[in-house]
Amino acid sequence: MAVAELVEIKFRLADGSDIGPNKYSPSSTVGSLKEKIIAQWPKDKENGPKTINDVKLINAGKILENNRTLSESRLPVAEVAGAVITMHVVVRPPMVDKNNDKLHDDTPIKGGCSCSIL
């Protein structure tokens, strides 16, 4: 595959910082991009994603699906030669286990509500 065919992408985090840009093949899956984001997640940032299901990638207002390739996702900016595509990264907050009031990583919840609605 020629270098000219690669797509250059940077990932914008919620605080405005970026991961990348790096070049990817149009046949790369969205899931593989998420794996790279997790591997390159800044160590100084709290609440980093643990799995690809903790990450949502958004491009041009569209949430990209894990099993689709970049070419199948029809990235609108990819058609502009030499353009860098910015994808927004949304990390799902840690899920709470309602049975024992702990996060999935066994961290106790601080200030949890014990209200009951009947």
PDB file of N, CA and C in Angstrom:
ATOM      1  N   MET A   1       0.852  -1.183   0.000  1.00  0.00           N
ATOM      2  CA  MET A   1       0.000   0.000   0.000  1.00  0.00           C
ATOM      3  C   MET A   1       0.886   1.230   0.000  1.00  0.00           C
ATOM      4  N   ALA A   2       0.625   2.170  -0.849  1.00  0.00           N
ATOM      5  CA  ALA A   2       1.408   3.393  -0.936  1.00  0.00           C
ATOM      6  C   ALA A   2       1.105   4.300   0.240  1.00  0.00           C
ATOM      7  N   VAL A   3       2.103   5.095   0.635  1.00  0.00           N
ATOM      8  CA  VAL A   3       1.931   6.004   1.763  1.00  0.00           C
ATOM      9  C   VAL A   3       0.848   7.022   1.473  1.00  0.00           C
ATOM     10  N   ALA A   4       0.679   7.408   0.202  1.00  0.00           N
ATOM     11  CA  ALA A   4      -0.327   8.405  -0.165  1.00  0.00           C
ATOM     12  C   ALA A   4      -1.744   7.933   0.157  1.00  0.00           C
ATOM     13  N   GLU A   5      -1.954   6.608   0.254  1.00  0.00           N
ATOM     14  CA  GLU A   5      -3.280   6.082   0.519  1.00  0.00           C
ATOM     15  C   GLU A   5      -3.648   6.109   2.001  1.00  0.00           C
ATOM     16  N   LEU A   6      -2.671   6.342   2.874  1.00  0.00           N
ATOM     17  CA  LEU A   6      -2.942   6.355   4.302  1.00  0.00           C
ATOM     18  C   LEU A   6      -3.744   7.591   4.693  1.00  0.00           C
ATOM     19  N   VAL A   7      -4.523   7.440   5.756  1.00  0.00           N
ATOM     20  CA  VAL A   7      -5.352   8.529   6.269  1.00  0.00           C
ATOM     21  C   VAL A   7      -4.707   9.032   7.559  1.00  0.00           C
ATOM     22  N   GLU A   8      -4.505  10.353   7.654  1.00  0.00           N
ATOM     23  CA  GLU A   8      -3.889  10.920   8.849  1.00  0.00           C
ATOM     24  C   GLU A   8      -4.980  11.374   9.819  1.00  0.00           C
ATOM     25  N   ILE A   9      -4.905  10.854  11.057  1.00  0.00           N
ATOM     26  CA  ILE A   9      -5.949  11.100  12.053  1.00  0.00           C
ATOM     27  C   ILE A   9      -5.314  11.528  13.368  1.00  0.00           C
ATOM     28  N   LYS A  10      -5.945  12.522  14.020  1.00  0.00           N
ATOM     29  CA  LYS A  10      -5.593  12.830  15.405  1.00  0.00           C
ATOM     30  C   LYS A  10      -6.862  12.693  16.229  1.00  0.00           C
ATOM     31  N   PHE A  11      -6.670  12.354  17.495  1.00  0.00           N
ATOM     32  CA  PHE A  11      -7.796  12.099  18.384  1.00  0.00           C
ATOM     33  C   PHE A  11      -7.845  13.200  19.431  1.00  0.00           C
ATOM     34  N   ARG A  12      -8.950  13.943  19.479  1.00  0.00           N
ATOM     35  CA  ARG A  12      -9.122  15.058  20.412  1.00  0.00           C
ATOM     36  C   ARG A  12      -9.808  14.561  21.673  1.00  0.00           C
ATOM     37  N   LEU A  13      -9.140  14.742  22.811  1.00  0.00           N
ATOM     38  CA  LEU A  13      -9.676  14.334  24.103  1.00  0.00           C
ATOM     39  C   LEU A  13     -10.556  15.434  24.678  1.00  0.00           C
ATOM     40  N   ALA A  14     -11.303  15.123  25.716  1.00  0.00           N
ATOM     41  CA  ALA A  14     -12.278  16.057  26.294  1.00  0.00           C
ATOM     42  C   ALA A  14     -11.624  17.339  26.807  1.00  0.00           C
ATOM     43  N   ASP A  15     -10.365  17.264  27.249  1.00  0.00           N
ATOM     44  CA  ASP A  15      -9.706  18.461  27.778  1.00  0.00           C
ATOM     45  C   ASP A  15      -9.053  19.307  26.691  1.00  0.00           C
ATOM     46  N   GLY A  16      -9.221  18.922  25.429  1.00  0.00           N
ATOM     47  CA  GLY A  16      -8.669  19.680  24.309  1.00  0.00           C
ATOM     48  C   GLY A  16      -7.305  19.209  23.850  1.00  0.00           C
ATOM     49  N   SER A  17      -6.677  18.277  24.573  1.00  0.00           N
ATOM     50  CA  SER A  17      -5.393  17.749  24.137  1.00  0.00           C
ATOM     51  C   SER A  17      -5.620  16.690  23.058  1.00  0.00           C
ATOM     52  N   ASP A  18      -4.557  16.349  22.356  1.00  0.00           N
ATOM     53  CA  ASP A  18      -4.666  15.415  21.235  1.00  0.00           C
ATOM     54  C   ASP A  18      -3.749  14.218  21.420  1.00  0.00           C
ATOM     55  N   ILE A  19      -4.145  13.106  20.828  1.00  0.00           N
ATOM     56  CA  ILE A  19      -3.285  11.954  20.627  1.00  0.00           C
ATOM     57  C   ILE A  19      -3.054  11.895  19.126  1.00  0.00           C
ATOM     58  N   GLY A  20      -1.810  11.899  18.715  1.00  0.00           N
ATOM     59  CA  GLY A  20      -1.498  11.874  17.288  1.00  0.00           C
ATOM     60  C   GLY A  20      -1.141  13.249  16.784  1.00  0.00           C
ATOM     61  N   PRO A  21      -1.126  13.455  15.502  1.00  0.00           N
ATOM     62  CA  PRO A  21      -1.675  12.622  14.436  1.00  0.00           C
ATOM     63  C   PRO A  21      -0.773  11.452  14.070  1.00  0.00           C
ATOM     64  N   ASN A  22      -1.421  10.403  13.586  1.00  0.00           N
ATOM     65  CA  ASN A  22      -0.758   9.221  13.062  1.00  0.00           C
ATOM     66  C   ASN A  22      -1.466   8.816  11.775  1.00  0.00           C
ATOM     67  N   LYS A  23      -0.780   8.026  10.969  1.00  0.00           N
ATOM     68  CA  LYS A  23      -1.352   7.586   9.693  1.00  0.00           C
ATOM     69  C   LYS A  23      -1.870   6.164   9.825  1.00  0.00           C
ATOM     70  N   TYR A  24      -3.048   5.928   9.249  1.00  0.00           N
ATOM     71  CA  TYR A  24      -3.719   4.637   9.327  1.00  0.00           C
ATOM     72  C   TYR A  24      -4.184   4.227   7.935  1.00  0.00           C
ATOM     73  N   SER A  25      -4.267   2.933   7.738  1.00  0.00           N
ATOM     74  CA  SER A  25      -4.785   2.381   6.490  1.00  0.00           C
ATOM     75  C   SER A  25      -6.303   2.544   6.475  1.00  0.00           C
ATOM     76  N   PRO A  26      -6.892   2.811   5.316  1.00  0.00           N
ATOM     77  CA  PRO A  26      -8.357   2.871   5.227  1.00  0.00           C
ATOM     78  C   PRO A  26      -9.025   1.547   5.602  1.00  0.00           C
ATOM     79  N   SER A  27      -8.266   0.436   5.601  1.00  0.00           N
ATOM     80  CA  SER A  27      -8.829  -0.857   5.984  1.00  0.00           C
ATOM     81  C   SER A  27      -8.757  -1.096   7.496  1.00  0.00           C
ATOM     82  N   SER A  28      -8.187  -0.152   8.265  1.00  0.00           N
ATOM     83  CA  SER A  28      -8.147  -0.272   9.726  1.00  0.00           C
ATOM     84  C   SER A  28      -9.557  -0.192  10.280  1.00  0.00           C
ATOM     85  N   THR A  29      -9.846  -1.023  11.282  1.00  0.00           N
ATOM     86  CA  THR A  29     -11.172  -0.971  11.902  1.00  0.00           C
ATOM     87  C   THR A  29     -11.194   0.117  12.975  1.00  0.00           C
ATOM     88  N   VAL A  30     -12.381   0.595  13.276  1.00  0.00           N
ATOM     89  CA  VAL A  30     -12.566   1.570  14.341  1.00  0.00           C
ATOM     90  C   VAL A  30     -12.124   0.960  15.668  1.00  0.00           C
ATOM     91  N   GLY A  31     -12.397  -0.328  15.870  1.00  0.00           N
ATOM     92  CA  GLY A  31     -11.963  -1.021  17.079  1.00  0.00           C
ATOM     93  C   GLY A  31     -10.446  -0.985  17.244  1.00  0.00           C
ATOM     94  N   SER A  32      -9.709  -1.163  16.144  1.00  0.00           N
ATOM     95  CA  SER A  32      -8.242  -1.123  16.233  1.00  0.00           C
ATOM     96  C   SER A  32      -7.755   0.282  16.560  1.00  0.00           C
ATOM     97  N   LEU A  33      -8.454   1.313  16.078  1.00  0.00           N
ATOM     98  CA  LEU A  33      -8.096   2.694  16.436  1.00  0.00           C
ATOM     99  C   LEU A  33      -8.296   2.913  17.932  1.00  0.00           C
ATOM    100  N   LYS A  34      -9.389   2.375  18.463  1.00  0.00           N
ATOM    101  CA  LYS A  34      -9.662   2.522  19.894  1.00  0.00           C
ATOM    102  C   LYS A  34      -8.580   1.831  20.729  1.00  0.00           C
ATOM    103  N   GLU A  35      -8.099   0.669  20.256  1.00  0.00           N
ATOM    104  CA  GLU A  35      -7.016  -0.023  20.961  1.00  0.00           C
ATOM    105  C   GLU A  35      -5.758   0.843  20.997  1.00  0.00           C
ATOM    106  N   LYS A  36      -5.474   1.534  19.902  1.00  0.00           N
ATOM    107  CA  LYS A  36      -4.307   2.422  19.858  1.00  0.00           C
ATOM    108  C   LYS A  36      -4.489   3.608  20.798  1.00  0.00           C
ATOM    109  N   ILE A  37      -5.714   4.128  20.887  1.00  0.00           N
ATOM    110  CA  ILE A  37      -5.993   5.236  21.807  1.00  0.00           C
ATOM    111  C   ILE A  37      -5.737   4.790  23.247  1.00  0.00           C
ATOM    112  N   ILE A  38      -6.226   3.618  23.614  1.00  0.00           N
ATOM    113  CA  ILE A  38      -6.034   3.103  24.970  1.00  0.00           C
ATOM    114  C   ILE A  38      -4.541   2.941  25.255  1.00  0.00           C
ATOM    115  N   ALA A  39      -3.787   2.407  24.295  1.00  0.00           N
ATOM    116  CA  ALA A  39      -2.346   2.198  24.480  1.00  0.00           C
ATOM    117  C   ALA A  39      -1.593   3.520  24.606  1.00  0.00           C
ATOM    118  N   GLN A  40      -2.072   4.573  23.928  1.00  0.00           N
ATOM    119  CA  GLN A  40      -1.382   5.865  23.931  1.00  0.00           C
ATOM    120  C   GLN A  40      -2.000   6.864  24.900  1.00  0.00           C
ATOM    121  N   TRP A  41      -2.972   6.426  25.708  1.00  0.00           N
ATOM    122  CA  TRP A  41      -3.657   7.334  26.631  1.00  0.00           C
ATOM    123  C   TRP A  41      -2.631   7.977  27.572  1.00  0.00           C
ATOM    124  N   PRO A  42      -2.659   9.304  27.731  1.00  0.00           N
ATOM    125  CA  PRO A  42      -1.686   9.974  28.609  1.00  0.00           C
ATOM    126  C   PRO A  42      -1.763   9.440  30.040  1.00  0.00           C
ATOM    127  N   LYS A  43      -0.624   9.082  30.595  1.00  0.00           N
ATOM    128  CA  LYS A  43      -0.562   8.473  31.930  1.00  0.00           C
ATOM    129  C   LYS A  43      -0.983   9.444  33.032  1.00  0.00           C
ATOM    130  N   ASP A  44      -0.874  10.757  32.769  1.00  0.00           N
ATOM    131  CA  ASP A  44      -1.217  11.744  33.795  1.00  0.00           C
ATOM    132  C   ASP A  44      -2.712  12.049  33.861  1.00  0.00           C
ATOM    133  N   LYS A  45      -3.494  11.483  32.970  1.00  0.00           N
ATOM    134  CA  LYS A  45      -4.944  11.727  32.954  1.00  0.00           C
ATOM    135  C   LYS A  45      -5.661  10.619  33.717  1.00  0.00           C
ATOM    136  N   GLU A  46      -6.586  11.027  34.579  1.00  0.00           N
ATOM    137  CA  GLU A  46      -7.363  10.061  35.353  1.00  0.00           C
ATOM    138  C   GLU A  46      -8.488   9.487  34.500  1.00  0.00           C
ATOM    139  N   ASN A  47      -9.048   8.392  34.978  1.00  0.00           N
ATOM    140  CA  ASN A  47     -10.216   7.760  34.355  1.00  0.00           C
ATOM    141  C   ASN A  47     -10.011   7.447  32.883  1.00  0.00           C
ATOM    142  N   GLY A  48      -8.861   6.900  32.565  1.00  0.00           N
ATOM    143  CA  GLY A  48      -8.616   6.480  31.195  1.00  0.00           C
ATOM    144  C   GLY A  48      -9.446   5.260  30.860  1.00  0.00           C
ATOM    145  N   PRO A  49      -9.703   5.028  29.578  1.00  0.00           N
ATOM    146  CA  PRO A  49     -10.497   3.868  29.178  1.00  0.00           C
ATOM    147  C   PRO A  49      -9.732   2.581  29.416  1.00  0.00           C
ATOM    148  N   LYS A  50     -10.468   1.525  29.757  1.00  0.00           N
ATOM    149  CA  LYS A  50      -9.870   0.207  30.002  1.00  0.00           C
ATOM    150  C   LYS A  50     -10.065  -0.726  28.802  1.00  0.00           C
ATOM    151  N   THR A  51     -11.219  -0.609  28.135  1.00  0.00           N
ATOM    152  CA  THR A  51     -11.520  -1.454  26.978  1.00  0.00           C
ATOM    153  C   THR A  51     -12.040  -0.575  25.843  1.00  0.00           C
ATOM    154  N   ILE A  52     -12.133  -1.157  24.652  1.00  0.00           N
ATOM    155  CA  ILE A  52     -12.629  -0.374  23.521  1.00  0.00           C
ATOM    156  C   ILE A  52     -14.096   0.008  23.704  1.00  0.00           C
ATOM    157  N   ASN A  53     -14.820  -0.730  24.534  1.00  0.00           N
ATOM    158  CA  ASN A  53     -16.223  -0.389  24.786  1.00  0.00           C
ATOM    159  C   ASN A  53     -16.370   0.837  25.684  1.00  0.00           C
ATOM    160  N   ASP A  54     -15.272   1.271  26.321  1.00  0.00           N
ATOM    161  CA  ASP A  54     -15.293   2.486  27.143  1.00  0.00           C
ATOM    162  C   ASP A  54     -15.100   3.737  26.301  1.00  0.00           C
ATOM    163  N   VAL A  55     -14.792   3.571  25.012  1.00  0.00           N
ATOM    164  CA  VAL A  55     -14.444   4.692  24.132  1.00  0.00           C
ATOM    165  C   VAL A  55     -15.475   4.814  23.015  1.00  0.00           C
ATOM    166  N   LYS A  56     -15.864   6.061  22.741  1.00  0.00           N
ATOM    167  CA  LYS A  56     -16.659   6.352  21.545  1.00  0.00           C
ATOM    168  C   LYS A  56     -15.847   7.300  20.694  1.00  0.00           C
ATOM    169  N   LEU A  57     -15.771   7.008  19.395  1.00  0.00           N
ATOM    170  CA  LEU A  57     -15.112   7.900  18.450  1.00  0.00           C
ATOM    171  C   LEU A  57     -16.180   8.596  17.629  1.00  0.00           C
ATOM    172  N   ILE A  58     -16.057   9.913  17.532  1.00  0.00           N
ATOM    173  CA  ILE A  58     -17.042  10.696  16.801  1.00  0.00           C
ATOM    174  C   ILE A  58     -16.325  11.458  15.701  1.00  0.00           C
ATOM    175  N   ASN A  59     -16.839  11.348  14.484  1.00  0.00           N
ATOM    176  CA  ASN A  59     -16.304  12.081  13.349  1.00  0.00           C
ATOM    177  C   ASN A  59     -17.461  12.670  12.572  1.00  0.00           C
ATOM    178  N   ALA A  60     -17.404  13.962  12.346  1.00  0.00           N
ATOM    179  CA  ALA A  60     -18.447  14.672  11.598  1.00  0.00           C
ATOM    180  C   ALA A  60     -19.828  14.419  12.210  1.00  0.00           C
ATOM    181  N   GLY A  61     -19.897  14.386  13.554  1.00  0.00           N
ATOM    182  CA  GLY A  61     -21.162  14.215  14.251  1.00  0.00           C
ATOM    183  C   GLY A  61     -21.697  12.798  14.262  1.00  0.00           C
ATOM    184  N   LYS A  62     -20.894  11.844  13.800  1.00  0.00           N
ATOM    185  CA  LYS A  62     -21.345  10.458  13.696  1.00  0.00           C
ATOM    186  C   LYS A  62     -20.502   9.576  14.605  1.00  0.00           C
ATOM    187  N   ILE A  63     -21.167   8.742  15.437  1.00  0.00           N
ATOM    188  CA  ILE A  63     -20.463   7.785  16.280  1.00  0.00           C
ATOM    189  C   ILE A  63     -20.061   6.603  15.402  1.00  0.00           C
ATOM    190  N   LEU A  64     -18.763   6.293  15.411  1.00  0.00           N
ATOM    191  CA  LEU A  64     -18.252   5.232  14.553  1.00  0.00           C
ATOM    192  C   LEU A  64     -18.375   3.875  15.233  1.00  0.00           C
ATOM    193  N   GLU A  65     -18.700   2.858  14.457  1.00  0.00           N
ATOM    194  CA  GLU A  65     -18.922   1.508  14.964  1.00  0.00           C
ATOM    195  C   GLU A  65     -17.627   0.705  14.948  1.00  0.00           C
ATOM    196  N   ASN A  66     -17.390  -0.080  16.013  1.00  0.00           N
ATOM    197  CA  ASN A  66     -16.150  -0.827  16.192  1.00  0.00           C
ATOM    198  C   ASN A  66     -15.797  -1.740  15.026  1.00  0.00           C
ATOM    199  N   ASN A  67     -16.778  -2.410  14.454  1.00  0.00           N
ATOM    200  CA  ASN A  67     -16.497  -3.427  13.441  1.00  0.00           C
ATOM    201  C   ASN A  67     -16.364  -2.859  12.034  1.00  0.00           C
ATOM    202  N   ARG A  68     -16.529  -1.570  11.849  1.00  0.00           N
ATOM    203  CA  ARG A  68     -16.435  -0.967  10.521  1.00  0.00           C
ATOM    204  C   ARG A  68     -15.023  -0.456  10.277  1.00  0.00           C
ATOM    205  N   THR A  69     -14.621  -0.457   9.021  1.00  0.00           N
ATOM    206  CA  THR A  69     -13.309   0.086   8.659  1.00  0.00           C
ATOM    207  C   THR A  69     -13.428   1.592   8.446  1.00  0.00           C
ATOM    208  N   LEU A  70     -12.281   2.242   8.349  1.00  0.00           N
ATOM    209  CA  LEU A  70     -12.301   3.681   8.086  1.00  0.00           C
ATOM    210  C   LEU A  70     -12.961   3.976   6.750  1.00  0.00           C
ATOM    211  N   SER A  71     -12.680   3.166   5.733  1.00  0.00           N
ATOM    212  CA  SER A  71     -13.293   3.414   4.430  1.00  0.00           C
ATOM    213  C   SER A  71     -14.799   3.185   4.468  1.00  0.00           C
ATOM    214  N   GLU A  72     -15.263   2.208   5.239  1.00  0.00           N
ATOM    215  CA  GLU A  72     -16.706   1.969   5.367  1.00  0.00           C
ATOM    216  C   GLU A  72     -17.388   3.082   6.155  1.00  0.00           C
ATOM    217  N   SER A  73     -16.632   3.736   7.033  1.00  0.00           N
ATOM    218  CA  SER A  73     -17.201   4.800   7.854  1.00  0.00           C
ATOM    219  C   SER A  73     -17.387   6.097   7.064  1.00  0.00           C
ATOM    220  N   ARG A  74     -16.863   6.108   5.847  1.00  0.00           N
ATOM    221  CA  ARG A  74     -17.017   7.251   4.944  1.00  0.00           C
ATOM    222  C   ARG A  74     -16.640   8.570   5.601  1.00  0.00           C
ATOM    223  N   LEU A  75     -15.384   8.671   5.952  1.00  0.00           N
ATOM    224  CA  LEU A  75     -14.889   9.890   6.581  1.00  0.00           C
ATOM    225  C   LEU A  75     -14.902  11.011   5.549  1.00  0.00           C
ATOM    226  N   PRO A  76     -15.694  12.059   5.773  1.00  0.00           N
ATOM    227  CA  PRO A  76     -15.851  13.098   4.756  1.00  0.00           C
ATOM    228  C   PRO A  76     -14.571  13.864   4.461  1.00  0.00           C
ATOM    229  N   VAL A  77     -13.724  14.072   5.452  1.00  0.00           N
ATOM    230  CA  VAL A  77     -12.522  14.853   5.242  1.00  0.00           C
ATOM    231  C   VAL A  77     -11.428  14.020   4.582  1.00  0.00           C
ATOM    232  N   ALA A  78     -11.562  12.698   4.625  1.00  0.00           N
ATOM    233  CA  ALA A  78     -10.540  11.816   4.065  1.00  0.00           C
ATOM    234  C   ALA A  78     -10.396  12.013   2.558  1.00  0.00           C
ATOM    235  N   GLU A  79     -11.384  12.607   1.931  1.00  0.00           N
ATOM    236  CA  GLU A  79     -11.329  12.809   0.500  1.00  0.00           C
ATOM    237  C   GLU A  79     -10.456  13.994   0.120  1.00  0.00           C
ATOM    238  N   VAL A  80     -10.060  14.821   1.090  1.00  0.00           N
ATOM    239  CA  VAL A  80      -9.198  15.960   0.836  1.00  0.00           C
ATOM    240  C   VAL A  80      -7.751  15.504   1.012  1.00  0.00           C
ATOM    241  N   ALA A  81      -6.969  15.562  -0.040  1.00  0.00           N
ATOM    242  CA  ALA A  81      -5.588  15.084   0.022  1.00  0.00           C
ATOM    243  C   ALA A  81      -4.780  15.894   1.034  1.00  0.00           C
ATOM    244  N   GLY A  82      -4.029  15.198   1.875  1.00  0.00           N
ATOM    245  CA  GLY A  82      -3.158  15.857   2.841  1.00  0.00           C
ATOM    246  C   GLY A  82      -3.855  16.395   4.075  1.00  0.00           C
ATOM    247  N   ALA A  83      -5.153  16.180   4.201  1.00  0.00           N
ATOM    248  CA  ALA A  83      -5.898  16.691   5.355  1.00  0.00           C
ATOM    249  C   ALA A  83      -5.706  15.775   6.557  1.00  0.00           C
ATOM    250  N   VAL A  84      -5.715  16.380   7.751  1.00  0.00           N
ATOM    251  CA  VAL A  84      -5.672  15.613   8.991  1.00  0.00           C
ATOM    252  C   VAL A  84      -7.091  15.569   9.536  1.00  0.00           C
ATOM    253  N   ILE A  85      -7.590  14.372   9.784  1.00  0.00           N
ATOM    254  CA  ILE A  85      -8.940  14.193  10.314  1.00  0.00           C
ATOM    255  C   ILE A  85      -8.861  14.257  11.834  1.00  0.00           C
ATOM    256  N   THR A  86      -9.733  15.044  12.444  1.00  0.00           N
ATOM    257  CA  THR A  86      -9.821  15.090  13.894  1.00  0.00           C
ATOM    258  C   THR A  86     -11.050  14.307  14.320  1.00  0.00           C
ATOM    259  N   MET A  87     -10.816  13.284  15.142  1.00  0.00           N
ATOM    260  CA  MET A  87     -11.915  12.508  15.720  1.00  0.00           C
ATOM    261  C   MET A  87     -11.994  12.849  17.190  1.00  0.00           C
ATOM    262  N   HIS A  88     -13.194  13.022  17.677  1.00  0.00           N
ATOM    263  CA  HIS A  88     -13.392  13.327  19.088  1.00  0.00           C
ATOM    264  C   HIS A  88     -13.552  12.030  19.865  1.00  0.00           C
ATOM    265  N   VAL A  89     -12.890  11.984  21.021  1.00  0.00           N
ATOM    266  CA  VAL A  89     -12.891  10.794  21.864  1.00  0.00           C
ATOM    267  C   VAL A  89     -13.759  11.072  23.090  1.00  0.00           C
ATOM    268  N   VAL A  90     -14.755  10.236  23.304  1.00  0.00           N
ATOM    269  CA  VAL A  90     -15.601  10.326  24.485  1.00  0.00           C
ATOM    270  C   VAL A  90     -15.385   9.040  25.280  1.00  0.00           C
ATOM    271  N   VAL A  91     -15.038   9.215  26.559  1.00  0.00           N
ATOM    272  CA  VAL A  91     -14.804   8.058  27.416  1.00  0.00           C
ATOM    273  C   VAL A  91     -16.004   7.879  28.323  1.00  0.00           C
ATOM    274  N   ARG A  92     -16.528   6.667  28.321  1.00  0.00           N
ATOM    275  CA  ARG A  92     -17.658   6.323  29.186  1.00  0.00           C
ATOM    276  C   ARG A  92     -17.169   6.327  30.627  1.00  0.00           C
ATOM    277  N   PRO A  93     -17.888   7.021  31.523  1.00  0.00           N
ATOM    278  CA  PRO A  93     -17.474   7.007  32.932  1.00  0.00           C
ATOM    279  C   PRO A  93     -17.555   5.597  33.500  1.00  0.00           C
ATOM    280  N   PRO A  94     -16.765   5.313  34.547  1.00  0.00           N
ATOM    281  CA  PRO A  94     -16.805   3.977  35.140  1.00  0.00           C
ATOM    282  C   PRO A  94     -18.232   3.622  35.560  1.00  0.00           C
ATOM    283  N   MET A  95     -18.613   2.373  35.308  1.00  0.00           N
ATOM    284  CA  MET A  95     -19.965   1.915  35.631  1.00  0.00           C
ATOM    285  C   MET A  95     -20.054   1.519  37.102  1.00  0.00           C
ATOM    286  N   VAL A  96     -21.213   1.766  37.705  1.00  0.00           N
ATOM    287  CA  VAL A  96     -21.442   1.438  39.106  1.00  0.00           C
ATOM    288  C   VAL A  96     -22.159   0.103  39.193  1.00  0.00           C
ATOM    289  N   ASP A  97     -21.676  -0.762  40.075  1.00  0.00           N
ATOM    290  CA  ASP A  97     -22.357  -2.023  40.347  1.00  0.00           C
ATOM    291  C   ASP A  97     -23.388  -1.735  41.428  1.00  0.00           C
ATOM    292  N   LYS A  98     -24.650  -1.698  41.054  1.00  0.00           N
ATOM    293  CA  LYS A  98     -25.714  -1.298  41.980  1.00  0.00           C
ATOM    294  C   LYS A  98     -25.901  -2.286  43.128  1.00  0.00           C
ATOM    295  N   ASN A  99     -25.427  -3.501  42.977  1.00  0.00           N
ATOM    296  CA  ASN A  99     -25.593  -4.502  44.029  1.00  0.00           C
ATOM    297  C   ASN A  99     -24.709  -4.249  45.239  1.00  0.00           C
ATOM    298  N   ASN A 100     -23.538  -3.656  45.036  1.00  0.00           N
ATOM    299  CA  ASN A 100     -22.665  -3.456  46.185  1.00  0.00           C
ATOM    300  C   ASN A 100     -22.084  -2.046  46.269  1.00  0.00           C
ATOM    301  N   ASP A 101     -22.655  -1.100  45.560  1.00  0.00           N
ATOM    302  CA  ASP A 101     -22.226   0.301  45.582  1.00  0.00           C
ATOM    303  C   ASP A 101     -20.726   0.467  45.378  1.00  0.00           C
ATOM    304  N   LYS A 102     -20.192  -0.240  44.426  1.00  0.00           N
ATOM    305  CA  LYS A 102     -18.788  -0.089  44.073  1.00  0.00           C
ATOM    306  C   LYS A 102     -18.687   0.066  42.567  1.00  0.00           C
ATOM    307  N   LEU A 103     -17.603   0.710  42.134  1.00  0.00           N
ATOM    308  CA  LEU A 103     -17.321   0.776  40.716  1.00  0.00           C
ATOM    309  C   LEU A 103     -16.849  -0.602  40.288  1.00  0.00           C
ATOM    310  N   HIS A 104     -16.834  -0.863  38.987  1.00  0.00           N
ATOM    311  CA  HIS A 104     -16.409  -2.172  38.506  1.00  0.00           C
ATOM    312  C   HIS A 104     -14.983  -2.505  38.915  1.00  0.00           C
ATOM    313  N   ASP A 105     -14.165  -1.497  39.219  1.00  0.00           N
ATOM    314  CA  ASP A 105     -12.797  -1.782  39.652  1.00  0.00           C
ATOM    315  C   ASP A 105     -12.693  -1.868  41.175  1.00  0.00           C
ATOM    316  N   ASP A 106     -13.837  -2.065  41.877  1.00  0.00           N
ATOM    317  CA  ASP A 106     -13.927  -2.236  43.328  1.00  0.00           C
ATOM    318  C   ASP A 106     -13.617  -0.980  44.132  1.00  0.00           C
ATOM    319  N   THR A 107     -13.669   0.193  43.503  1.00  0.00           N
ATOM    320  CA  THR A 107     -13.498   1.437  44.234  1.00  0.00           C
ATOM    321  C   THR A 107     -14.827   1.799  44.879  1.00  0.00           C
ATOM    322  N   PRO A 108     -14.866   2.056  46.212  1.00  0.00           N
ATOM    323  CA  PRO A 108     -16.133   2.422  46.833  1.00  0.00           C
ATOM    324  C   PRO A 108     -16.637   3.767  46.308  1.00  0.00           C
ATOM    325  N   ILE A 109     -17.939   3.912  46.211  1.00  0.00           N
ATOM    326  CA  ILE A 109     -18.546   5.157  45.761  1.00  0.00           C
ATOM    327  C   ILE A 109     -18.604   6.126  46.933  1.00  0.00           C
ATOM    328  N   LYS A 110     -18.236   7.378  46.665  1.00  0.00           N
ATOM    329  CA  LYS A 110     -18.288   8.403  47.715  1.00  0.00           C
ATOM    330  C   LYS A 110     -19.605   9.150  47.603  1.00  0.00           C
ATOM    331  N   GLY A 111     -20.299   9.291  48.717  1.00  0.00           N
ATOM    332  CA  GLY A 111     -21.519  10.101  48.744  1.00  0.00           C
ATOM    333  C   GLY A 111     -22.660   9.539  47.929  1.00  0.00           C
ATOM    334  N   GLY A 112     -22.786   8.225  47.855  1.00  0.00           N
ATOM    335  CA  GLY A 112     -23.879   7.619  47.091  1.00  0.00           C
ATOM    336  C   GLY A 112     -25.223   7.871  47.775  1.00  0.00           C
ATOM    337  N   CYS A 113     -26.253   8.030  47.004  1.00  0.00           N
ATOM    338  CA  CYS A 113     -27.590   8.278  47.517  1.00  0.00           C
ATOM    339  C   CYS A 113     -28.260   6.944  47.831  1.00  0.00           C
ATOM    340  N   SER A 114     -29.006   6.904  48.924  1.00  0.00           N
ATOM    341  CA  SER A 114     -29.715   5.684  49.281  1.00  0.00           C
ATOM    342  C   SER A 114     -31.226   5.889  49.185  1.00  0.00           C
ATOM    343  N   CYS A 115     -31.652   6.792  48.329  1.00  0.00           N
ATOM    344  CA  CYS A 115     -33.078   7.109  48.172  1.00  0.00           C
ATOM    345  C   CYS A 115     -33.815   5.956  47.516  1.00  0.00           C
ATOM    346  N   SER A 116     -35.084   5.837  47.848  1.00  0.00           N
ATOM    347  CA  SER A 116     -35.969   4.862  47.196  1.00  0.00           C
ATOM    348  C   SER A 116     -37.184   5.596  46.662  1.00  0.00           C
ATOM    349  N   ILE A 117     -37.514   5.330  45.433  1.00  0.00           N
ATOM    350  CA  ILE A 117     -38.693   5.923  44.820  1.00  0.00           C
ATOM    351  C   ILE A 117     -39.728   4.837  44.680  1.00  0.00           C
ATOM    352  N   LEU A 118     -40.884   5.055  45.271  1.00  0.00           N
ATOM    353  CA  LEU A 118     -41.920   4.039  45.226  1.00  0.00           C
ATOM    354  C   LEU A 118     -43.002   4.412  44.261  1.00  0.00           C
TER     355      LEU A 118
END
